[in-house]
C-alpha atoms as a PDB file:
ATOM      1  CA  ILE A   1      38.796  -8.813  -7.306  1.00  0.00           C
ATOM      2  CA  ARG A   2      38.860  -5.634  -9.411  1.00  0.00           C
ATOM      3  CA  GLU A   3      36.786  -7.298 -12.145  1.00  0.00           C
ATOM      4  CA  LEU A   4      34.354  -8.634  -9.542  1.00  0.00           C
ATOM      5  CA  ARG A   5      34.051  -5.132  -8.077  1.00  0.00           C
ATOM      6  CA  ASP A   6      33.179  -3.670 -11.492  1.00  0.00           C
ATOM      7  CA  LEU A   7      30.463  -6.290 -11.972  1.00  0.00           C
ATOM      8  CA  THR A   8      28.859  -5.964  -8.516  1.00  0.00           C
ATOM      9  CA  ARG A   9      28.793  -2.156  -8.721  1.00  0.00           C
ATOM     10  CA  TYR A  10      27.278  -2.297 -12.200  1.00  0.00           C
ATOM     11  CA  LYS A  11      24.631  -4.744 -10.981  1.00  0.00           C
ATOM     12  CA  THR A  12      23.767  -2.328  -8.157  1.00  0.00           C
ATOM     13  CA  LYS A  13      23.346   0.510 -10.678  1.00  0.00           C
ATOM     14  CA  LEU A  14      21.081  -1.654 -12.845  1.00  0.00           C
ATOM     15  CA  THR A  15      19.003  -2.726  -9.841  1.00  0.00           C
ATOM     16  CA  ASN A  16      18.533   0.933  -8.904  1.00  0.00           C
ATOM     17  CA  GLN A  17      17.413   1.641 -12.476  1.00  0.00           C
ATOM     18  CA  VAL A  18      14.753  -1.080 -12.197  1.00  0.00           C
ATOM     19  CA  SER A  19      13.496   0.506  -8.954  1.00  0.00           C
ATOM     20  CA  SER A  20      13.335   3.919 -10.638  1.00  0.00           C
ATOM     21  CA  GLU A  21      11.398   2.494 -13.592  1.00  0.00           C
ATOM     22  CA  LYS A  22       8.930   0.756 -11.268  1.00  0.00           C
ATOM     23  CA  ASN A  23       8.364   4.030  -9.398  1.00  0.00           C
ATOM     24  CA  ARG A  24       7.770   5.782 -12.735  1.00  0.00           C
ATOM     25  CA  PHE A  25       5.316   3.017 -13.696  1.00  0.00           C
ATOM     26  CA  MET A  26       3.408   3.565 -10.440  1.00  0.00           C
ATOM     27  CA  LYS A  27       3.265   7.309 -11.107  1.00  0.00           C
ATOM     28  CA  ILE A  28       1.678   6.740 -14.538  1.00  0.00           C
ATOM     29  CA  LEU A  29      -0.871   4.328 -13.024  1.00  0.00           C
ATOM     30  CA  GLU A  30      -1.828   6.858 -10.370  1.00  0.00           C
ATOM     31  CA  ASP A  31      -2.129   9.549 -13.038  1.00  0.00           C
ATOM     32  CA  ALA A  32      -4.802   7.280 -14.562  1.00  0.00           C
ATOM     33  CA  ASN A  33      -6.435   7.105 -11.093  1.00  0.00           C
ATOM     34  CA  ILE A  34      -5.487   3.440 -10.589  1.00  0.00           C
ATOM     35  CA  LYS A  35      -4.228   3.083  -7.003  1.00  0.00           C
ATOM     36  CA  LEU A  36      -2.891  -0.484  -6.974  1.00  0.00           C
ATOM     37  CA  SER A  37      -0.250   0.323  -4.363  1.00  0.00           C
ATOM     38  CA  SER A  38      -2.961   1.112  -1.798  1.00  0.00           C
ATOM     39  CA  VAL A  39      -4.462  -2.398  -1.947  1.00  0.00           C
ATOM     40  CA  LEU A  40      -1.515  -4.626  -2.936  1.00  0.00           C
ATOM     41  CA  LYS A  41       1.692  -5.054  -0.980  1.00  0.00           C
ATOM     42  CA  ASP A  42       3.659  -5.820  -4.159  1.00  0.00           C
ATOM     43  CA  VAL A  43       2.235  -4.255  -7.332  1.00  0.00           C
ATOM     44  CA  PHE A  44       4.593  -6.351  -9.463  1.00  0.00           C
ATOM     45  CA  GLY A  45       3.682  -9.616  -7.737  1.00  0.00           C
ATOM     46  CA  ALA A  46       1.491 -12.362  -9.222  1.00  0.00           C
ATOM     47  CA  THR A  47      -1.850 -10.590  -8.655  1.00  0.00           C
ATOM     48  CA  GLY A  48      -0.579  -7.152  -9.706  1.00  0.00           C
ATOM     49  CA  THR A  49       1.071  -8.494 -12.870  1.00  0.00           C
ATOM     50  CA  LYS A  50      -2.109 -10.265 -14.023  1.00  0.00           C
ATOM     51  CA  ILE A  51      -4.204  -7.150 -13.417  1.00  0.00           C
ATOM     52  CA  ILE A  52      -1.710  -4.905 -15.254  1.00  0.00           C
ATOM     53  CA  ASN A  53      -1.514  -7.315 -18.222  1.00  0.00           C
ATOM     54  CA  HIS A  54      -5.314  -7.353 -18.493  1.00  0.00           C
ATOM     55  CA  ILE A  55      -5.508  -3.551 -18.377  1.00  0.00           C
ATOM     56  CA  LEU A  56      -2.824  -3.155 -21.045  1.00  0.00           C
ATOM     57  CA  GLY A  57      -4.244  -5.913 -23.237  1.00  0.00           C
ATOM     58  CA  HIS A  58      -7.768  -4.482 -23.474  1.00  0.00           C
ATOM     59  CA  GLU A  59      -8.874  -1.116 -24.801  1.00  0.00           C
ATOM     60  CA  SER A  60     -11.641  -0.979 -22.215  1.00  0.00           C
ATOM     61  CA  TYR A  61     -12.331  -2.994 -19.078  1.00  0.00           C
ATOM     62  CA  ARG A  62     -14.628  -3.094 -16.091  1.00  0.00           C
ATOM     63  CA  PRO A  63     -13.110  -3.200 -12.575  1.00  0.00           C
ATOM     64  CA  GLU A  64     -15.303  -6.226 -11.748  1.00  0.00           C
ATOM     65  CA  GLU A  65     -13.487  -8.254 -14.438  1.00  0.00           C
ATOM     66  CA  LEU A  66     -10.158  -7.747 -12.683  1.00  0.00           C
ATOM     67  CA  LEU A  67     -11.289  -9.224  -9.363  1.00  0.00           C
ATOM     68  CA  GLN A  68     -10.846 -12.733 -10.841  1.00  0.00           C
ATOM     69  CA  TYR A  69      -7.060 -12.225 -10.675  1.00  0.00           C
ATOM     70  CA  VAL A  70      -6.988 -11.326  -6.965  1.00  0.00           C
ATOM     71  CA  HIS A  71      -5.277 -14.044  -4.922  1.00  0.00           C
ATOM     72  CA  GLY A  72      -7.041 -15.312  -1.818  1.00  0.00           C
ATOM     73  CA  LYS A  73      -4.181 -14.161   0.416  1.00  0.00           C
ATOM     74  CA  VAL A  74      -4.662 -10.497  -0.507  1.00  0.00           C
ATOM     75  CA  LYS A  75      -5.866  -8.802   2.689  1.00  0.00           C
ATOM     76  CA  SER A  76      -7.691  -5.857   1.087  1.00  0.00           C
ATOM     77  CA  SER A  77     -11.436  -6.243   0.614  1.00  0.00           C
ATOM     78  CA  ARG A  78     -12.917  -6.766  -2.852  1.00  0.00           C
ATOM     79  CA  GLU A  79     -14.750  -3.427  -2.592  1.00  0.00           C
ATOM     80  CA  ASP A  80     -11.502  -1.547  -1.850  1.00  0.00           C
ATOM     81  CA  ILE A  81      -9.742  -3.292  -4.750  1.00  0.00           C
ATOM     82  CA  LYS A  82     -12.616  -2.488  -7.102  1.00  0.00           C
ATOM     83  CA  GLU A  83     -12.480   1.177  -6.086  1.00  0.00           C
ATOM     84  CA  ALA A  84      -8.683   1.264  -6.524  1.00  0.00           C
ATOM     85  CA  LEU A  85      -9.026  -0.138 -10.059  1.00  0.00           C
ATOM     86  CA  THR A  86     -11.662   2.368 -11.159  1.00  0.00           C
ATOM     87  CA  GLY A  87      -9.687   4.701 -13.397  1.00  0.00           C
ATOM     88  CA  TYR A  88      -9.337   5.997 -16.923  1.00  0.00           C
ATOM     89  CA  ILE A  89      -6.505   4.703 -19.099  1.00  0.00           C
ATOM     90  CA  THR A  90      -5.784   6.925 -22.111  1.00  0.00           C
ATOM     91  CA  PRO A  91      -3.750   5.806 -25.174  1.00  0.00           C
ATOM     92  CA  HIS A  92      -0.854   7.890 -23.798  1.00  0.00           C
ATOM     93  CA  HIS A  93      -0.986   6.046 -20.460  1.00  0.00           C
ATOM     94  CA  ARG A  94      -1.063   2.691 -22.250  1.00  0.00           C
ATOM     95  CA  PHE A  95       1.946   3.618 -24.423  1.00  0.00           C
ATOM     96  CA  MET A  96       3.974   4.820 -21.426  1.00  0.00           C
ATOM     97  CA  LEU A  97       3.154   1.761 -19.308  1.00  0.00           C
ATOM     98  CA  LYS A  98       4.066  -0.686 -22.104  1.00  0.00           C
ATOM     99  CA  THR A  99       7.323   1.183 -22.820  1.00  0.00           C
ATOM    100  CA  ILE A 100       8.350   1.202 -19.156  1.00  0.00           C
ATOM    101  CA  LEU A 101       7.558  -2.518 -18.769  1.00  0.00           C
ATOM    102  CA  GLY A 102       9.668  -3.261 -21.857  1.00  0.00           C
ATOM    103  CA  ASN A 103      12.565  -1.273 -20.423  1.00  0.00           C
ATOM    104  CA  ILE A 104      12.297  -3.102 -17.073  1.00  0.00           C
ATOM    105  CA  ALA A 105      12.422  -6.453 -18.920  1.00  0.00           C
ATOM    106  CA  ARG A 106      15.554  -5.366 -20.834  1.00  0.00           C
ATOM    107  CA  ILE A 107      17.346  -4.199 -17.688  1.00  0.00           C
ATOM    108  CA  GLU A 108      16.431  -7.402 -15.824  1.00  0.00           C
ATOM    109  CA  SER A 109      17.800  -9.408 -18.754  1.00  0.00           C
ATOM    110  CA  THR A 110      21.082  -7.495 -18.476  1.00  0.00           C
ATOM    111  CA  ILE A 111      21.143  -8.104 -14.705  1.00  0.00           C
ATOM    112  CA  ALA A 112      20.818 -11.857 -15.371  1.00  0.00           C
ATOM    113  CA  GLU A 113      23.819 -11.706 -17.740  1.00  0.00           C
ATOM    114  CA  VAL A 114      25.875  -9.759 -15.176  1.00  0.00           C
ATOM    115  CA  ASP A 115      24.870 -12.289 -12.494  1.00  0.00           C
ATOM    116  CA  THR A 116      26.223 -15.112 -14.647  1.00  0.00           C
ATOM    117  CA  GLN A 117      29.546 -13.300 -15.044  1.00  0.00           C
ATOM    118  CA  ILE A 118      29.686 -12.605 -11.294  1.00  0.00           C
ATOM    119  CA  GLY A 119      29.187 -16.332 -10.704  1.00  0.00           C
ATOM    120  CA  SER A 120      32.261 -17.047 -12.844  1.00  0.00           C
ATOM    121  CA  CYS A 121      34.419 -14.424 -11.125  1.00  0.00           C
ATOM    122  CA  ILE A 122      33.544 -15.512  -7.568  1.00  0.00           C
ATOM    123  CA  VAL A 123      34.615 -19.150  -8.100  1.00  0.00           C
ATOM    124  CA  PRO A 124      38.178 -18.673  -6.687  1.00  0.00           C
ATOM    125  CA  TYR A 125      36.678 -17.105  -3.543  1.00  0.00           C
ATOM    126  CA  LYS A 126      33.837 -19.558  -3.006  1.00  0.00           C
ATOM    127  CA  ALA A 127      35.224 -20.773   0.350  1.00  0.00           C
ATOM    128  CA  GLN A 128      35.508 -17.222   1.693  1.00  0.00           C
ATOM    129  CA  ARG A 129      31.970 -16.419   0.543  1.00  0.00           C
ATOM    130  CA  GLU A 130      30.576 -19.459   2.355  1.00  0.00           C
ATOM    131  CA  LEU A 131      32.347 -18.376   5.554  1.00  0.00           C
ATOM    132  CA  LEU A 132      30.865 -14.869   5.304  1.00  0.00           C
ATOM    133  CA  GLU A 133      27.393 -16.329   4.748  1.00  0.00           C
ATOM    134  CA  SER A 134      27.614 -17.737   8.293  1.00  0.00           C
ATOM    135  CA  ILE A 135      27.088 -14.167   9.597  1.00  0.00           C
ATOM    136  CA  PRO A 136      23.358 -13.544  10.340  1.00  0.00           C
ATOM    137  CA  GLY A 137      21.935 -11.160   7.763  1.00  0.00           C
ATOM    138  CA  VAL A 138      24.674 -11.772   5.192  1.00  0.00           C
ATOM    139  CA  GLY A 139      23.361 -13.706   2.213  1.00  0.00           C
ATOM    140  CA  LYS A 140      24.986 -14.925  -0.967  1.00  0.00           C
ATOM    141  CA  ASP A 141      24.807 -11.564  -2.745  1.00  0.00           C
ATOM    142  CA  GLY A 142      25.903  -9.634   0.341  1.00  0.00           C
ATOM    143  CA  ALA A 143      28.960 -11.862   0.840  1.00  0.00           C
ATOM    144  CA  THR A 144      29.883 -11.514  -2.845  1.00  0.00           C
ATOM    145  CA  CYS A 145      29.685  -7.714  -2.690  1.00  0.00           C
ATOM    146  CA  ILE A 146      31.735  -7.565   0.529  1.00  0.00           C
ATOM    147  CA  ILE A 147      34.500  -9.673  -1.051  1.00  0.00           C
ATOM    148  CA  ALA A 148      34.370  -7.471  -4.174  1.00  0.00           C
ATOM    149  CA  GLU A 149      34.935  -4.325  -2.082  1.00  0.00           C
ATOM    150  CA  VAL A 150      37.464  -5.451   0.574  1.00  0.00           C
ATOM    151  CA  GLY A 151      39.110  -8.442  -1.128  1.00  0.00           C
ATOM    152  CA  VAL A 152      40.173 -11.505   0.848  1.00  0.00           C
ATOM    153  CA  ASP A 153      43.652 -10.396   1.978  1.00  0.00           C
ATOM    154  CA  MET A 154      43.233  -8.692   5.354  1.00  0.00           C
ATOM    155  CA  GLY A 155      46.986  -8.087   5.500  1.00  0.00           C
ATOM    156  CA  GLN A 156      46.272  -4.765   3.759  1.00  0.00           C
ATOM    157  CA  PHE A 157      44.814  -3.438   7.015  1.00  0.00           C
ATOM    158  CA  PRO A 158      46.907  -3.176  10.228  1.00  0.00           C
ATOM    159  CA  ASP A 159      43.852  -4.166  12.284  1.00  0.00           C
ATOM    160  CA  GLN A 160      40.056  -4.293  12.224  1.00  0.00           C
ATOM    161  CA  ASN A 161      39.741  -0.636  13.235  1.00  0.00           C
ATOM    162  CA  HIS A 162      41.618   0.496  10.138  1.00  0.00           C
ATOM    163  CA  LEU A 163      39.191  -1.504   7.984  1.00  0.00           C
ATOM    164  CA  ALA A 164      36.211   0.107   9.742  1.00  0.00           C
ATOM    165  CA  SER A 165      37.726   3.555   9.215  1.00  0.00           C
ATOM    166  CA  TRP A 166      38.396   2.834   5.531  1.00  0.00           C
ATOM    167  CA  ALA A 167      34.767   1.719   5.112  1.00  0.00           C
ATOM    168  CA  GLY A 168      33.490   4.892   6.768  1.00  0.00           C
ATOM    169  CA  LEU A 169      31.838   3.039   9.647  1.00  0.00           C
ATOM    170  CA  CYS A 170      33.780   4.618  12.503  1.00  0.00           C
ATOM    171  CA  PRO A 171      32.168   7.317  14.642  1.00  0.00           C
ATOM    172  CA  GLY A 172      33.769  10.695  14.043  1.00  0.00           C
ATOM    173  CA  SER A 173      35.603  12.583  16.763  1.00  0.00           C
ATOM    174  CA  ASN A 174      34.834  16.286  16.987  1.00  0.00           C
ATOM    175  CA  GLU A 175      35.773  17.711  20.378  1.00  0.00           C
ATOM    176  CA  THR A 176      36.368  21.403  21.032  1.00  0.00           C
ATOM    177  CA  ALA A 177      37.116  22.951  24.427  1.00  0.00           C
ATOM    178  CA  GLY A 178      36.015  19.768  26.154  1.00  0.00           C
ATOM    179  CA  LYS A 179      32.680  19.687  24.324  1.00  0.00           C
ATOM    180  CA  ASN A 180      31.763  16.761  22.086  1.00  0.00           C
ATOM    181  CA  LYS A 181      30.029  17.900  18.908  1.00  0.00           C
ATOM    182  CA  SER A 182      28.924  15.774  15.950  1.00  0.00           C
ATOM    183  CA  GLY A 183      29.867  12.100  16.234  1.00  0.00           C
ATOM    184  CA  ARG A 184      28.577  11.137  12.797  1.00  0.00           C
ATOM    185  CA  ILE A 185      30.363   8.411  10.845  1.00  0.00           C
ATOM    186  CA  THR A 186      33.342   9.312   8.688  1.00  0.00           C
ATOM    187  CA  TYR A 187      33.510   9.320   4.914  1.00  0.00           C
ATOM    188  CA  GLY A 188      34.657   6.063   3.314  1.00  0.00           C
ATOM    189  CA  ASN A 189      33.756   3.392   0.786  1.00  0.00           C
ATOM    190  CA  LYS A 190      30.095   4.240   0.108  1.00  0.00           C
ATOM    191  CA  TYR A 191      29.497   1.004  -1.817  1.00  0.00           C
ATOM    192  CA  LEU A 192      30.714  -1.183   1.040  1.00  0.00           C
ATOM    193  CA  ARG A 193      28.840   0.873   3.636  1.00  0.00           C
ATOM    194  CA  SER A 194      25.605   0.548   1.647  1.00  0.00           C
ATOM    195  CA  ILE A 195      25.968  -3.256   1.464  1.00  0.00           C
ATOM    196  CA  LEU A 196      26.730  -3.549   5.179  1.00  0.00           C
ATOM    197  CA  VAL A 197      23.735  -1.380   6.089  1.00  0.00           C
ATOM    198  CA  GLU A 198      21.487  -3.703   4.040  1.00  0.00           C
ATOM    199  CA  CYS A 199      22.995  -6.691   5.859  1.00  0.00           C
ATOM    200  CA  GLY A 200      22.455  -4.849   9.162  1.00  0.00           C
ATOM    201  CA  TRP A 201      18.738  -4.454   8.447  1.00  0.00           C
ATOM    202  CA  ALA A 202      18.528  -8.155   7.546  1.00  0.00           C
ATOM    203  CA  ALA A 203      20.411  -9.118  10.737  1.00  0.00           C
ATOM    204  CA  SER A 204      18.030  -7.026  12.870  1.00  0.00           C
ATOM    205  CA  ARG A 205      15.142  -9.189  11.639  1.00  0.00           C
ATOM    206  CA  THR A 206      16.785 -12.549  12.399  1.00  0.00           C
ATOM    207  CA  LYS A 207      15.553 -14.573  15.360  1.00  0.00           C
ATOM    208  CA  ASN A 208      17.520 -15.655  18.427  1.00  0.00           C
ATOM    209  CA  THR A 209      20.851 -14.213  17.249  1.00  0.00           C
ATOM    210  CA  TYR A 210      23.420 -11.962  18.906  1.00  0.00           C
ATOM    211  CA  LEU A 211      22.965  -9.244  16.285  1.00  0.00           C
ATOM    212  CA  SER A 212      19.171  -9.133  16.617  1.00  0.00           C
ATOM    213  CA  ALA A 213      19.524  -8.956  20.415  1.00  0.00           C
ATOM    214  CA  LYS A 214      22.058  -6.140  20.015  1.00  0.00           C
ATOM    215  CA  TYR A 215      19.584  -4.273  17.804  1.00  0.00           C
ATOM    216  CA  LYS A 216      16.836  -4.548  20.418  1.00  0.00           C
ATOM    217  CA  SER A 217      19.131  -3.379  23.210  1.00  0.00           C
ATOM    218  CA  LEU A 218      20.398  -0.329  21.282  1.00  0.00           C
ATOM    219  CA  VAL A 219      17.284   0.822  19.436  1.00  0.00           C
ATOM    220  CA  GLY A 220      15.626   1.952  22.670  1.00  0.00           C
ATOM    221  CA  ARG A 221      18.489   4.356  23.425  1.00  0.00           C
ATOM    222  CA  ILE A 222      19.432   5.610  19.968  1.00  0.00           C
ATOM    223  CA  CYS A 223      17.475   5.944  16.710  1.00  0.00           C
ATOM    224  CA  LYS A 224      17.007   3.045  14.282  1.00  0.00           C
ATOM    225  CA  LYS A 225      19.461   4.368  11.707  1.00  0.00           C
ATOM    226  CA  LYS A 226      22.288   4.727  14.240  1.00  0.00           C
ATOM    227  CA  THR A 227      21.537   1.238  15.545  1.00  0.00           C
ATOM    228  CA  ILE A 228      21.796  -0.220  12.031  1.00  0.00           C
ATOM    229  CA  ILE A 229      25.153   1.544  11.549  1.00  0.00           C
ATOM    230  CA  ALA A 230      26.299  -0.125  14.797  1.00  0.00           C
ATOM    231  CA  LEU A 231      25.227  -3.547  13.435  1.00  0.00           C
ATOM    232  CA  ALA A 232      26.950  -2.831  10.109  1.00  0.00           C
ATOM    233  CA  HIS A 233      30.130  -2.027  12.064  1.00  0.00           C
ATOM    234  CA  LYS A 234      29.898  -5.320  13.975  1.00  0.00           C
ATOM    235  CA  ILE A 235      29.363  -7.274  10.737  1.00  0.00           C
ATOM    236  CA  LEU A 236      32.443  -5.618   9.213  1.00  0.00           C
ATOM    237  CA  ILE A 237      34.590  -6.410  12.270  1.00  0.00           C
ATOM    238  CA  ALA A 238      33.405 -10.028  12.091  1.00  0.00           C
ATOM    239  CA  THR A 239      34.244 -10.037   8.365  1.00  0.00           C
ATOM    240  CA  TYR A 240      37.810  -8.958   9.112  1.00  0.00           C
ATOM    241  CA  PHE A 241      38.506 -11.850  11.484  1.00  0.00           C
ATOM    242  CA  ILE A 242      36.590 -14.416   9.397  1.00  0.00           C
ATOM    243  CA  LEU A 243      38.674 -13.603   6.308  1.00  0.00           C
ATOM    244  CA  LYS A 244      41.908 -13.243   8.281  1.00  0.00           C
ATOM    245  CA  ASP A 245      41.614 -16.460  10.321  1.00  0.00           C
ATOM    246  CA  LYS A 246      39.462 -18.404   7.798  1.00  0.00           C
ATOM    247  CA  ILE A 247      36.879 -19.372  10.421  1.00  0.00           C
ATOM    248  CA  GLU A 248      33.080 -19.288  10.541  1.00  0.00           C
ATOM    249  CA  PHE A 249      31.101 -16.698  12.474  1.00  0.00           C
ATOM    250  CA  LYS A 250      30.782 -17.656  16.128  1.00  0.00           C
ATOM    251  CA  GLU A 251      27.147 -17.157  17.105  1.00  0.00           C
ATOM    252  CA  LEU A 252      26.980 -15.969  20.718  1.00  0.00           C
ATOM    253  CA  GLY A 253      23.198 -16.251  20.960  1.00  0.00           C
ATOM    254  CA  PRO A 254      20.624 -13.705  22.132  1.00  0.00           C
ATOM    255  CA  ASP A 255      21.846 -13.857  25.762  1.00  0.00           C
END
């Protein structure tokens, strides 16, 4: 479990590095007055990649030439795309963009190697991972990370509330002279909390599930972020009993 935890946390760090590099790439493009993000949903998707490769592979280009790479499903008009691609790439821009793309490729290669090692480490806990995947919003990676952080032996925690407190997903209690002040969540395992929040967002977008119905019922009374914390708490409580009793998630349905 400790080795698995090292690997999953390292993978998270590498994934964050890729995101940072992509943001830096976008900044350089916008410095050259190329606003791809305003017309494409995913700049590093199929259409965006072809356009970027053409720009970097030619010393000069005309925006009209790049329209051949635009996929039919792209919602932006051809005129808007042409305007977004009208910029001025200097040799400095080209060097920076190529360097950043090379760094992204290296990091993604390392992530693939780490993924392979994670696959080897998770083998003894494959049954537990499959049980956790029965929770709406919890995918293969999410289940792996949860196991890496909490383990599979729930005997370490007296009950589910202790696990929630350890994870930092319990509401705080701050009462003075009969007045309730901040009820923000407590400090805890930030890695586990981050994973559960991601799973909470995924669960909120599922259809006809108890967790998505819970999201809709709470979000009208409290803000979105607090609602997602509530879903993350419910996923963690479910995790405790699934790992303790070795049973699948019982879907109660939207009603």
